[in-house]
C-alpha cells in the first residue's frame, strides 16, 4: 500500500511533465483502453505550446527534465524500435547525457574516499572543471605523479540510491500495466525494465567497465587504425575509473577532420571494418557508439570511450545474422524464414509459409538496389517487427545490435552521405562468410564434432562398465516393468540408429582425409 501510494505521487509529477511535452498524445489512438485514450485526449490541453518537434524529440526533452534515471531509460528504450518505431528510436539515441556537473569538492572527496589518499598525493594536477557530465558520472582531466595525462571518471554521489528508487517505480508501472492491460504483455514491459536494471547495475560498477575496455583492447592488439586507451588499475575502483587521456575529436566533427587533412570516406571505411570485426569476428561490440563516444586522433586512429554498455553475440547468433543477410541479398526468402525457425526465434506452431511471405514483403524492395543503398539497420529492424507479429520472443542482444547499427549508419551518413558503410565492409563480409559459412568450414566443424564424440567414448564405456558391475553385484535393482520398457526402447534405438553410425563413419573417413 505504501509503495503504491509513494509511486502514485511520483507518477503524478511524471505525468504532468510528459503531458506538458505532448508525449502522451499517441495514447489517444489506443482503442483497447478507452479510459486511457480519454485521459490522453484530456492531457492534450496541458501541452506547453512552446514545446515543438517530433514525438521522439519531445520525449527526449521530457526525459531530460525528469532526470538522469529517465535519460538512461530513454537510451534503453531506444533499443526497442520494434515498439516505438525507427524515427523515435533515432531521436532517443541522440540523448547525450548533457547534465549539470556536481561540485568539484564532492568529486575530490569521492576520489579520496575511494583511493584512500589526498588528491594532491594521487595526482600532480587535477582539473576541477569536468570535461563531460553524464547521467551516471562525470570526467575530469588529471596528471599522475609520474607525469602521464589521464581521464578520471567519477560516479555521481548518491546515484545508486536514486536509481534504486526509480527502478522500483519502473517495475511497479510495468507490473500494473501488465495486470490491468493484458494486451500490453506481448510488448514485454517487465522484460524491458529487467534489461534496463541489468544495464544500469553494470554501468554503476566502473571496474566492470574497465574490464570491458581491456577485453576490447586485446581484440585489436594488431590493429593499426583502432585502439583503446590503457586502464590505470591502481587508480580504478567501483566508483572511479582512470584511463590514459585521449587527444582527439568527435568522429562527426567534419571541420576538425578537414583541418587534420583526414579523408572522411577512408575514416568511414575504417569504422565499418572495426564494427564488422567486433560483431562477427569477436562477438563483442561497443553498444553505445554515438558520435561522442568515438574519438579520432590526428593521424586517423579511432579511439572509443565509455564502455558501460557492451553487447555480446554467440557464434550461432552471428551465423543467424550472416545467413539472414545472405538470404535477403539473394532473394531466398524461405532460407530467411527457415533460419528464424531453426534458431527457435519463431515458435514451431507458426506457419513457416506465412513467415516466408512476410520476409518476401521486406526483401523484394531490396532486390533492385545495390548493396551501397541497403540499410542493414533498417532491414534488421523490419525483421524484428515482423517476427514480433509471429510471437517471436524478444532477443535483447539483437535489439542492442539494431540500436548500434542505427547510430553507426547515422554517423556514416554524416561522414559521407554518398557512401554506405556496409558496402565498404563488403570484402570483410565475404571473407568471413567463406571462412565460416563455406563448405570447407561446415565440413571442418562436422569433423570436429565427430572427433569430440569419439573423445567421449572412453567415458561412456567406463560408465557402462560401472553399471554392469552394479548389476552383477546386485547393487542396482530394476522393476520388471522398467526392464521390459527399456528392452522395447533399446530395440527401437537399434532399428533407427544405423543412419547415425553411417554418418559417423563417413565423418571419420572425411576427417582422416582432411
Protein backbone atom coordinates (compact mmCIF):
# COMPACT_ATOMS: atom_id res chain seq x y z
CA UNK A 1 0.00 0.00 0.00
CA UNK A 2 2.73 2.46 0.99
CA UNK A 3 4.72 1.52 -2.11
CA UNK A 4 1.73 2.13 -4.36
CA UNK A 5 0.93 5.49 -2.71
CA UNK A 6 4.53 6.65 -2.99
CA UNK A 7 4.75 5.65 -6.62
CA UNK A 8 1.36 7.21 -7.44
CA UNK A 9 2.58 10.59 -6.14
CA UNK A 10 5.74 10.33 -8.21
CA UNK A 11 3.72 9.14 -11.18
CA UNK A 12 1.50 12.24 -10.96
CA UNK A 13 4.53 14.51 -11.32
CA UNK A 14 5.88 12.41 -14.18
CA UNK A 15 2.51 12.50 -15.96
CA UNK A 16 2.41 16.28 -15.64
CA UNK A 17 5.83 16.67 -17.28
CA UNK A 18 5.01 14.17 -20.04
CA UNK A 19 1.71 15.94 -20.74
CA UNK A 20 3.43 19.33 -20.92
CA UNK A 21 5.76 17.88 -23.57
CA UNK A 22 2.95 16.26 -25.56
CA UNK A 23 4.37 12.79 -25.04
CA UNK A 24 1.11 11.01 -24.12
CA UNK A 25 -0.75 12.04 -27.29
CA UNK A 26 -0.14 8.73 -29.17
CA UNK A 27 -2.20 7.01 -26.44
CA UNK A 28 -5.29 8.72 -27.88
CA UNK A 29 -5.36 6.00 -30.56
CA UNK A 30 -5.30 3.05 -28.13
CA UNK A 31 -8.77 1.63 -28.77
CA UNK A 32 -8.16 -1.35 -26.44
CA UNK A 33 -8.22 1.01 -23.43
CA UNK A 34 -10.88 3.72 -23.89
CA UNK A 35 -10.29 5.30 -20.49
CA UNK A 36 -6.57 5.63 -21.21
CA UNK A 37 -7.33 7.19 -24.60
CA UNK A 38 -9.73 9.66 -22.95
CA UNK A 39 -7.06 10.65 -20.38
CA UNK A 40 -4.59 11.23 -23.22
CA UNK A 41 -7.08 13.48 -25.03
CA UNK A 42 -7.61 15.50 -21.86
CA UNK A 43 -3.84 15.76 -21.33
CA UNK A 44 -3.51 17.41 -24.75
CA UNK A 45 -4.94 20.58 -23.17
CA UNK A 46 -1.95 20.71 -20.78
CA UNK A 47 0.67 20.73 -23.53
CA UNK A 48 3.07 23.66 -23.49
CA UNK A 49 2.77 25.38 -26.92
CA UNK A 50 6.45 26.27 -26.76
CA UNK A 51 7.39 22.55 -26.93
CA UNK A 52 7.69 21.57 -30.59
CA UNK A 53 9.31 18.87 -32.71
CA UNK A 54 8.68 15.21 -33.46
CA UNK A 55 7.26 12.92 -30.81
CA UNK A 56 10.66 11.30 -30.20
CA UNK A 57 12.31 14.70 -29.78
CA UNK A 58 9.62 15.80 -27.30
CA UNK A 59 10.01 12.53 -25.40
CA UNK A 60 13.79 13.06 -25.20
CA UNK A 61 13.25 16.57 -23.79
CA UNK A 62 10.78 15.27 -21.22
CA UNK A 63 13.18 12.57 -20.07
CA UNK A 64 15.92 15.16 -19.63
CA UNK A 65 13.53 17.19 -17.45
CA UNK A 66 12.76 14.12 -15.34
CA UNK A 67 16.41 13.44 -14.53
CA UNK A 68 19.31 11.01 -15.08
CA UNK A 69 17.38 7.79 -14.47
CA UNK A 70 14.83 8.67 -17.13
CA UNK A 71 17.54 9.69 -19.57
CA UNK A 72 19.14 6.28 -19.12
CA UNK A 73 15.75 4.63 -19.51
CA UNK A 74 15.31 6.56 -22.75
CA UNK A 75 18.61 5.22 -24.02
CA UNK A 76 17.46 1.70 -23.21
CA UNK A 77 14.07 2.32 -24.83
CA UNK A 78 15.91 3.42 -27.96
CA UNK A 79 16.82 -0.25 -28.50
CA UNK A 80 13.11 -1.10 -28.85
CA UNK A 81 12.49 0.25 -32.33
CA UNK A 82 10.03 -2.62 -32.68
CA UNK A 83 7.88 -0.83 -30.08
CA UNK A 84 8.33 2.88 -30.76
CA UNK A 85 9.39 2.97 -34.42
CA UNK A 86 12.65 3.81 -36.17
CA UNK A 87 12.20 7.59 -36.10
CA UNK A 88 11.55 7.79 -32.35
CA UNK A 89 14.36 5.29 -31.74
CA UNK A 90 16.77 7.52 -33.64
CA UNK A 91 15.60 10.56 -31.66
CA UNK A 92 16.22 8.82 -28.34
CA UNK A 93 19.68 7.64 -29.38
CA UNK A 94 20.64 11.31 -29.61
CA UNK A 95 20.35 11.70 -25.84
CA UNK A 96 23.87 12.77 -24.96
CA UNK A 97 23.51 12.84 -21.16
CA UNK A 98 24.29 16.56 -21.07
CA UNK A 99 23.69 17.32 -17.38
CA UNK A 100 24.86 19.80 -14.81
CA UNK A 101 28.11 18.61 -13.19
CA UNK A 102 28.38 18.08 -9.46
CA UNK A 103 30.72 20.28 -7.42
CA UNK A 104 34.49 19.78 -7.58
CA UNK A 105 34.81 19.44 -3.78
CA UNK A 106 32.39 16.48 -3.95
CA UNK A 107 34.46 14.95 -6.76
CA UNK A 108 37.67 15.37 -4.74
CA UNK A 109 36.06 13.86 -1.62
CA UNK A 110 34.87 10.87 -3.65
CA UNK A 111 38.39 10.33 -5.02
CA UNK A 112 39.97 10.46 -1.58
CA UNK A 113 37.40 8.05 -0.15
CA UNK A 114 37.75 5.56 -2.99
CA UNK A 115 41.52 5.73 -3.48
CA UNK A 116 42.47 6.21 0.16
CA UNK A 117 44.74 9.25 -0.18
CA UNK A 118 44.55 13.04 -0.67
CA UNK A 119 44.12 14.19 -4.28
CA UNK A 120 47.45 16.03 -4.08
CA UNK A 121 49.24 12.74 -3.36
CA UNK A 122 47.33 10.87 -6.07
CA UNK A 123 47.86 13.39 -8.89
CA UNK A 124 50.32 16.12 -9.76
CA UNK A 125 47.37 18.12 -11.08
CA UNK A 126 43.60 17.67 -11.12
CA UNK A 127 41.27 19.89 -13.18
CA UNK A 128 38.25 20.82 -11.06
CA UNK A 129 36.19 21.60 -14.18
CA UNK A 130 34.84 18.35 -15.69
CA UNK A 131 35.24 17.82 -19.42
CA UNK A 132 31.96 15.84 -19.56
CA UNK A 133 28.98 15.33 -17.24
CA UNK A 134 26.71 12.36 -17.94
CA UNK A 135 23.72 10.76 -16.24
CA UNK A 136 25.80 8.43 -14.09
CA UNK A 137 29.26 10.00 -13.87
CA UNK A 138 31.46 12.89 -14.91
CA UNK A 139 35.01 13.01 -16.25
CA UNK A 140 37.95 15.17 -15.12
CA UNK A 141 41.38 15.62 -16.67
CA UNK A 142 44.39 14.99 -14.42
CA UNK A 143 48.12 14.24 -14.45
CA UNK A 144 49.63 11.36 -12.50
CA UNK A 145 52.61 11.74 -10.20
CA UNK A 146 54.85 10.28 -12.92
CA UNK A 147 53.65 12.85 -15.48
CA UNK A 148 51.06 10.92 -17.53
CA UNK A 149 47.86 12.62 -18.68
CA UNK A 150 44.74 10.70 -17.61
CA UNK A 151 40.94 10.90 -17.68
CA UNK A 152 39.26 10.28 -14.30
CA UNK A 153 35.62 9.18 -14.34
CA UNK A 154 33.72 9.55 -11.04
CA UNK A 155 30.22 8.29 -10.26
CA UNK A 156 27.66 10.86 -9.20
CA UNK A 157 27.09 10.96 -5.41
CA UNK A 158 24.00 9.06 -4.34
CA UNK A 159 23.40 7.75 -7.86
CA UNK A 160 22.84 4.19 -6.59
CA UNK A 161 20.01 5.29 -4.28
CA UNK A 162 18.43 7.47 -6.96
CA UNK A 163 18.42 4.61 -9.44
CA UNK A 164 17.06 2.18 -6.85
CA UNK A 165 14.03 4.44 -6.27
CA UNK A 166 13.45 4.95 -9.98
CA UNK A 167 13.83 1.27 -10.80
CA UNK A 168 11.24 0.45 -8.15
CA UNK A 169 8.90 2.90 -9.85
CA UNK A 170 9.54 1.44 -13.31
CA UNK A 171 8.92 -2.09 -12.05
CA UNK A 172 5.70 -1.02 -10.32
CA UNK A 173 4.46 0.64 -13.51
CA UNK A 174 5.31 -2.43 -15.61
CA UNK A 175 3.60 -4.77 -13.13
CA UNK A 176 0.49 -2.57 -13.01
CA UNK A 177 0.26 -2.20 -16.77
CA UNK A 178 0.61 -5.94 -17.34
CA UNK A 179 -2.05 -6.63 -14.68
CA UNK A 180 -4.70 -4.22 -15.98
CA UNK A 181 -3.86 -4.12 -19.71
CA UNK A 182 -3.28 -7.72 -20.82
CA UNK A 183 -2.83 -6.71 -24.47
CA UNK A 184 0.39 -4.92 -23.48
CA UNK A 185 2.04 -8.12 -22.25
CA UNK A 186 3.29 -9.11 -25.70
CA UNK A 187 5.45 -5.94 -25.62
CA UNK A 188 7.20 -7.36 -22.52
CA UNK A 189 7.34 -4.24 -20.31
CA UNK A 190 8.68 -6.27 -17.36
CA UNK A 191 11.40 -7.74 -19.59
CA UNK A 192 12.33 -4.26 -20.82
CA UNK A 193 12.69 -2.99 -17.24
CA UNK A 194 14.73 -6.07 -16.30
CA UNK A 195 17.19 -5.45 -19.13
CA UNK A 196 17.39 -1.79 -18.10
CA UNK A 197 18.15 -2.78 -14.48
CA UNK A 198 20.96 -5.11 -15.58
CA UNK A 199 22.46 -2.41 -17.80
CA UNK A 200 22.41 0.19 -15.03
CA UNK A 201 23.89 -2.18 -12.45
CA UNK A 202 26.82 -2.91 -14.76
CA UNK A 203 27.36 0.77 -15.55
CA UNK A 204 27.49 1.67 -11.85
CA UNK A 205 30.45 -0.63 -11.23
CA UNK A 206 33.31 1.07 -13.06
CA UNK A 207 35.55 -1.96 -12.55
CA UNK A 208 33.32 -3.84 -14.98
CA UNK A 209 33.62 -1.02 -17.48
CA UNK A 210 37.41 -1.15 -17.10
CA UNK A 211 37.38 -4.90 -17.73
CA UNK A 212 35.30 -4.40 -20.88
CA UNK A 213 37.78 -1.81 -22.12
CA UNK A 214 40.69 -4.18 -21.61
CA UNK A 215 38.88 -7.03 -23.40
CA UNK A 216 38.11 -4.82 -26.39
CA UNK A 217 41.72 -3.61 -26.46
CA UNK A 218 43.00 -7.20 -26.51
CA UNK A 219 40.79 -7.98 -29.50
CA UNK A 220 42.51 -5.22 -31.51
CA UNK A 221 46.13 -5.51 -30.40
CA UNK A 222 47.29 -5.90 -34.01
CA UNK A 223 45.16 -3.08 -35.42
CA UNK A 224 46.84 -0.01 -36.85
CA UNK A 225 43.62 2.02 -37.08
CA UNK A 226 41.83 1.29 -33.79
CA UNK A 227 42.97 1.32 -30.18
CA UNK A 228 41.58 1.57 -26.66
CA UNK A 229 43.06 3.85 -24.01
CA UNK A 230 45.01 1.97 -21.32
CA UNK A 231 43.29 1.47 -17.96
CA UNK A 232 45.11 2.67 -14.85
CA UNK A 233 44.08 -0.14 -12.50
CA UNK A 234 45.89 1.35 -9.49
CA UNK A 235 43.58 4.38 -9.77
CA UNK A 236 40.38 2.44 -10.53
CA UNK A 237 37.71 1.26 -8.08
CA UNK A 238 33.99 0.54 -8.18
CA UNK A 239 33.21 4.28 -8.27
CA UNK A 240 36.32 5.63 -10.03
CA UNK A 241 37.76 4.74 -13.45
CA UNK A 242 41.06 6.16 -14.65
CA UNK A 243 42.36 5.74 -18.20
CA UNK A 244 45.01 7.34 -20.37
CA UNK A 245 43.96 10.72 -21.76
CA UNK A 246 42.96 10.87 -25.44
CA UNK A 247 43.76 13.90 -27.57
CA UNK A 248 41.12 13.62 -30.27
CA UNK A 249 37.87 14.98 -31.65
CA UNK A 250 34.41 13.53 -32.26
CA UNK A 251 34.06 11.39 -35.34
CA UNK A 252 31.22 13.59 -36.64
CA UNK A 253 33.27 16.81 -36.34
CA UNK A 254 33.67 17.32 -40.08
CA UNK A 255 35.50 20.64 -39.63
CA UNK A 256 38.14 19.01 -37.41
CA UNK A 257 38.52 16.16 -39.95
CA UNK A 258 39.20 18.68 -42.72
CA UNK A 259 41.65 20.62 -40.55
CA UNK A 260 43.57 17.40 -39.82
CA UNK A 261 43.64 16.50 -43.51
CA UNK A 262 41.73 13.28 -42.99
CA UNK A 263 39.60 11.70 -45.69
CA UNK A 264 36.05 11.15 -44.44
CA UNK A 265 35.41 8.17 -46.73
CA UNK A 266 38.60 6.44 -45.60
CA UNK A 267 37.62 7.06 -42.00
CA UNK A 268 34.17 5.60 -42.66
CA UNK A 269 35.79 2.51 -44.21
CA UNK A 270 37.93 2.05 -41.09
CA UNK A 271 34.93 2.45 -38.80
CA UNK A 272 32.93 -0.07 -40.87
CA UNK A 273 35.76 -2.61 -40.68
CA UNK A 274 36.15 -2.14 -36.93
CA UNK A 275 32.43 -2.54 -36.32
CA UNK A 276 32.31 -5.65 -38.51
CA UNK A 277 35.21 -7.27 -36.62
CA UNK A 278 33.59 -6.50 -33.27
CA UNK A 279 30.26 -8.04 -34.26
CA UNK A 280 31.21 -11.01 -36.44
CA UNK A 281 34.81 -11.88 -35.65
CA UNK A 282 34.73 -11.31 -31.87
CA UNK A 283 31.03 -11.30 -30.94
CA UNK A 284 31.81 -8.45 -28.51
CA UNK A 285 30.90 -4.92 -29.55
CA UNK A 286 30.63 -1.40 -28.20
CA UNK A 287 26.86 -0.89 -27.92
CA UNK A 288 26.76 2.83 -27.14
CA UNK A 289 28.54 4.12 -30.21
CA UNK A 290 27.08 7.61 -30.52
CA UNK A 291 29.49 10.19 -32.03
CA UNK A 292 30.57 11.48 -28.63
CA UNK A 293 31.90 8.02 -27.73
CA UNK A 294 34.13 7.59 -30.80
CA UNK A 295 37.11 9.92 -30.94
CA UNK A 296 39.57 10.38 -33.80
CA UNK A 297 43.24 11.21 -33.29
CA UNK A 298 45.02 13.49 -35.74
CA UNK A 299 46.57 10.53 -37.56
CA UNK A 300 43.12 8.99 -38.15
CA UNK A 301 43.27 6.37 -35.39
CA UNK A 302 39.83 5.57 -33.95
CA UNK A 303 39.66 5.56 -30.14
CA UNK A 304 36.37 4.64 -28.38
CA UNK A 305 35.39 5.77 -24.88
CA UNK A 306 32.67 4.82 -22.36
CA UNK A 307 32.39 1.03 -22.18
CA UNK A 308 29.43 0.84 -19.81
CA UNK A 309 27.14 -0.73 -22.45
CA UNK A 310 28.70 -3.61 -24.37
CA UNK A 311 26.96 -6.27 -26.45
CA UNK A 312 27.77 -9.95 -26.92
CA UNK A 313 26.72 -12.34 -29.69
CA UNK A 314 27.40 -16.05 -29.54
CA UNK A 315 28.59 -17.86 -32.67
CA UNK A 316 25.13 -19.22 -33.50
CA UNK A 317 23.62 -15.73 -33.43
CA UNK A 318 26.39 -14.46 -35.69
CA UNK A 319 25.66 -17.31 -38.10
CA UNK A 320 21.98 -16.33 -37.93
CA UNK A 321 22.83 -12.74 -38.90
CA UNK A 322 25.08 -13.87 -41.74
CA UNK A 323 22.56 -16.37 -43.11
CA UNK A 324 19.69 -13.88 -42.83
CA UNK A 325 21.62 -11.15 -44.64
CA UNK A 326 22.75 -13.57 -47.36
CA UNK A 327 19.21 -14.84 -47.81
CA UNK A 328 17.83 -11.33 -48.23
CA UNK A 329 20.51 -10.26 -50.69
CA UNK A 330 19.97 -13.43 -52.80
CA UNK A 331 16.18 -13.29 -52.62
CA UNK A 332 16.00 -16.67 -50.86
CA UNK A 333 13.02 -15.87 -48.64
CA UNK A 334 12.48 -19.45 -47.49
CA UNK A 335 16.07 -19.55 -46.22
CA UNK A 336 15.46 -16.38 -44.24
CA UNK A 337 12.32 -17.84 -42.67
CA UNK A 338 13.94 -21.21 -42.03
CA UNK A 339 16.84 -19.73 -40.04
CA UNK A 340 14.35 -17.98 -37.72
CA UNK A 341 12.58 -21.28 -37.04
CA UNK A 342 15.82 -23.27 -36.64
CA UNK A 343 17.14 -20.72 -34.15
CA UNK A 344 13.92 -21.04 -32.17
CA UNK A 345 13.16 -17.34 -32.55
CA UNK A 346 9.72 -18.09 -34.03
CA UNK A 347 7.67 -20.81 -32.27
CA UNK A 348 7.17 -24.01 -34.29
CA UNK A 349 3.35 -23.79 -34.26
CA UNK A 350 3.52 -20.73 -36.52
CA UNK A 351 3.28 -21.13 -40.30
CA UNK A 352 6.68 -21.02 -41.99
CA UNK A 353 4.93 -20.30 -45.30
CA UNK A 354 3.27 -17.17 -43.91
CA UNK A 355 6.54 -16.08 -42.31
CA UNK A 356 8.28 -16.62 -45.68
CA UNK A 357 5.66 -14.41 -47.29
CA UNK A 358 6.30 -11.72 -44.65
CA UNK A 359 10.05 -11.90 -45.31
CA UNK A 360 9.38 -11.51 -49.04
CA UNK A 361 7.40 -8.34 -48.34
CA UNK A 362 10.52 -6.89 -46.70
CA UNK A 363 13.08 -8.17 -49.17
CA UNK A 364 11.50 -7.62 -52.57
CA UNK A 365 12.04 -3.82 -52.46
CA UNK A 366 15.78 -4.50 -51.94
CA UNK A 367 16.24 -6.72 -54.97
CA UNK A 368 16.79 -3.91 -57.46
CA UNK A 369 19.11 -1.95 -55.18
CA UNK A 370 22.91 -2.22 -54.94
CA UNK A 371 24.36 -3.07 -51.54
CA UNK A 372 25.52 0.54 -51.17
CA UNK A 373 21.86 1.62 -50.93
CA UNK A 374 20.73 -1.06 -48.48
CA UNK A 375 20.27 -0.06 -44.84
CA UNK A 376 21.16 -3.16 -42.84
CA UNK A 377 19.92 -1.49 -39.66
CA UNK A 378 16.53 -0.78 -41.25
CA UNK A 379 16.40 -4.34 -42.60
CA UNK A 380 17.08 -5.87 -39.19
CA UNK A 381 14.52 -3.58 -37.58
CA UNK A 382 11.83 -4.63 -40.06
CA UNK A 383 12.60 -8.31 -39.48
CA UNK A 384 12.34 -7.86 -35.71
CA UNK A 385 8.99 -6.09 -36.04
CA UNK A 386 7.52 -8.71 -38.37
CA UNK A 387 8.86 -11.52 -36.19
CA UNK A 388 7.10 -9.89 -33.24
CA UNK A 389 3.81 -10.41 -35.10
CA UNK A 390 4.68 -14.11 -35.25
CA UNK A 391 5.23 -14.25 -31.47
CA UNK A 392 8.99 -14.07 -31.77
CA UNK A 393 10.49 -13.82 -28.30
CA UNK A 394 12.40 -10.61 -27.61
CA UNK A 395 16.14 -11.02 -28.31
CA UNK A 396 17.89 -8.35 -26.18
CA UNK A 397 21.25 -8.84 -27.90
CA UNK A 398 19.69 -8.28 -31.35
CA UNK A 399 17.78 -5.23 -30.14
CA UNK A 400 21.02 -3.80 -28.76
CA UNK A 401 22.79 -4.55 -32.04
CA UNK A 402 19.99 -2.91 -34.00
CA UNK A 403 20.28 0.28 -31.95
CA UNK A 404 24.04 0.31 -32.50
CA UNK A 405 23.58 -0.19 -36.26
CA UNK A 406 21.10 2.71 -36.44
CA UNK A 407 23.59 5.03 -34.72
CA UNK A 408 26.53 3.77 -36.83
CA UNK A 409 24.69 4.30 -40.10
CA UNK A 410 23.77 7.81 -38.95
CA UNK A 411 27.44 8.58 -38.30
CA UNK A 412 28.28 7.13 -41.72
CA UNK A 413 25.83 9.44 -43.45
CA UNK A 414 27.40 12.39 -41.64
CA UNK A 415 30.89 11.45 -42.84
CA UNK A 416 29.82 10.77 -46.43
CA UNK A 417 26.15 10.67 -47.45
CA UNK A 418 27.09 9.08 -50.78
CA UNK A 419 28.77 6.01 -49.25
CA UNK A 420 27.35 3.03 -47.38
CA UNK A 421 29.45 1.59 -44.58
CA UNK A 422 28.26 -1.97 -45.35
CA UNK A 423 29.37 -1.66 -48.97
CA UNK A 424 32.81 -0.52 -47.77
CA UNK A 425 32.97 -3.55 -45.44
CA UNK A 426 31.83 -5.97 -48.16
CA UNK A 427 35.29 -7.61 -48.71
CA UNK A 428 35.47 -8.40 -44.99
CA UNK A 429 31.92 -9.77 -45.01
CA UNK A 430 32.62 -12.04 -48.00
CA UNK A 431 35.87 -13.31 -46.49
CA UNK A 432 34.18 -14.09 -43.17
CA UNK A 433 31.36 -15.89 -44.96
CA UNK A 434 33.83 -18.05 -46.88
CA UNK A 435 35.79 -18.91 -43.75
CA UNK A 436 32.80 -19.58 -41.50
CA UNK A 437 29.84 -20.48 -43.72
CA UNK A 438 31.53 -22.09 -46.74
CA UNK A 439 31.62 -25.85 -47.45
CA UNK A 440 35.13 -26.23 -46.01
CA UNK A 441 34.11 -24.57 -42.73
CA UNK A 442 30.96 -26.70 -42.41
CA UNK A 443 32.91 -29.89 -43.19
CA UNK A 444 35.62 -28.94 -40.72
CA UNK A 445 33.08 -28.35 -37.94
CA UNK A 446 31.45 -31.69 -38.77
CA UNK A 447 34.79 -33.48 -38.45
CA UNK A 448 35.44 -31.68 -35.16
CA UNK A 449 32.05 -32.82 -33.84
CA UNK A 450 32.83 -36.42 -34.80
CA UNK A 451 36.23 -36.31 -33.10
CA UNK A 452 34.68 -34.83 -29.95
CA UNK A 453 32.09 -37.61 -29.98
CA UNK A 454 34.82 -40.24 -30.21
CA UNK A 455 36.72 -38.47 -27.45
CA UNK A 456 33.73 -39.04 -25.16
CA UNK A 457 33.56 -42.78 -25.95
CA UNK A 458 36.05 -43.89 -23.22
CA UNK A 459 33.97 -42.14 -20.55
CA UNK A 460 30.81 -43.77 -21.88
CA UNK A 461 32.48 -47.20 -21.85
CA UNK A 462 33.62 -46.68 -18.26
CA UNK A 463 30.12 -45.62 -17.23
CA UNK A 464 28.59 -48.69 -18.92
CA UNK A 465 31.17 -50.97 -17.27
CA UNK A 466 30.36 -49.46 -13.89
CA UNK A 467 26.64 -50.03 -14.42
CA UNK A 468 27.24 -53.65 -15.43
CA UNK A 469 29.30 -54.12 -12.28
CA UNK A 470 26.42 -52.85 -10.18
CA UNK A 471 24.06 -55.23 -11.94
CA UNK A 472 26.40 -58.19 -11.36
CA UNK A 473 26.68 -57.48 -7.65
CA UNK A 474 23.02 -56.78 -7.13
CA UNK A 475 23.74 -53.12 -6.39
CA UNK A 476 21.12 -51.88 -8.84
CA UNK A 477 17.54 -53.19 -8.77
CA UNK A 478 15.05 -52.54 -11.56
CA UNK A 479 11.34 -53.25 -11.53
CA UNK A 480 10.31 -55.91 -14.12
CA UNK A 481 8.06 -53.37 -15.90
CA UNK A 482 11.02 -50.98 -16.19
CA UNK A 483 13.18 -53.74 -17.66
CA UNK A 484 10.53 -54.52 -20.30
CA UNK A 485 10.20 -50.79 -21.20
CA UNK A 486 13.96 -50.44 -21.52
CA UNK A 487 14.12 -53.50 -23.77
CA UNK A 488 11.48 -52.08 -26.08
CA UNK A 489 13.24 -48.70 -26.28
CA UNK A 490 16.59 -50.35 -27.00
CA UNK A 491 15.01 -52.40 -29.80
CA UNK A 492 13.65 -49.18 -31.35
CA UNK A 493 17.03 -47.49 -30.98
CA UNK A 494 18.81 -50.37 -32.74
CA UNK A 495 16.37 -50.18 -35.65
CA UNK A 496 16.75 -46.38 -36.03
CA UNK A 497 20.43 -45.82 -35.14
CA UNK A 498 22.07 -47.14 -38.31
CA UNK A 499 21.90 -43.72 -40.12
CA UNK A 500 23.72 -42.09 -37.21
CA UNK A 501 26.52 -44.66 -37.25
CA UNK A 502 26.75 -44.41 -41.04
CA UNK A 503 27.10 -40.62 -40.76
CA UNK A 504 29.77 -41.03 -38.07
CA UNK A 505 31.69 -43.45 -40.28
CA UNK A 506 31.59 -41.04 -43.22
CA UNK A 507 32.66 -38.21 -40.92
CA UNK A 508 35.64 -40.20 -39.64
CA UNK A 509 36.79 -41.00 -43.19
CA UNK A 510 36.46 -37.35 -44.24
CA UNK A 511 38.26 -36.24 -41.09
CA UNK A 512 41.17 -38.58 -41.81
CA UNK A 513 41.31 -37.40 -45.43
CA UNK A 514 41.38 -33.77 -44.28
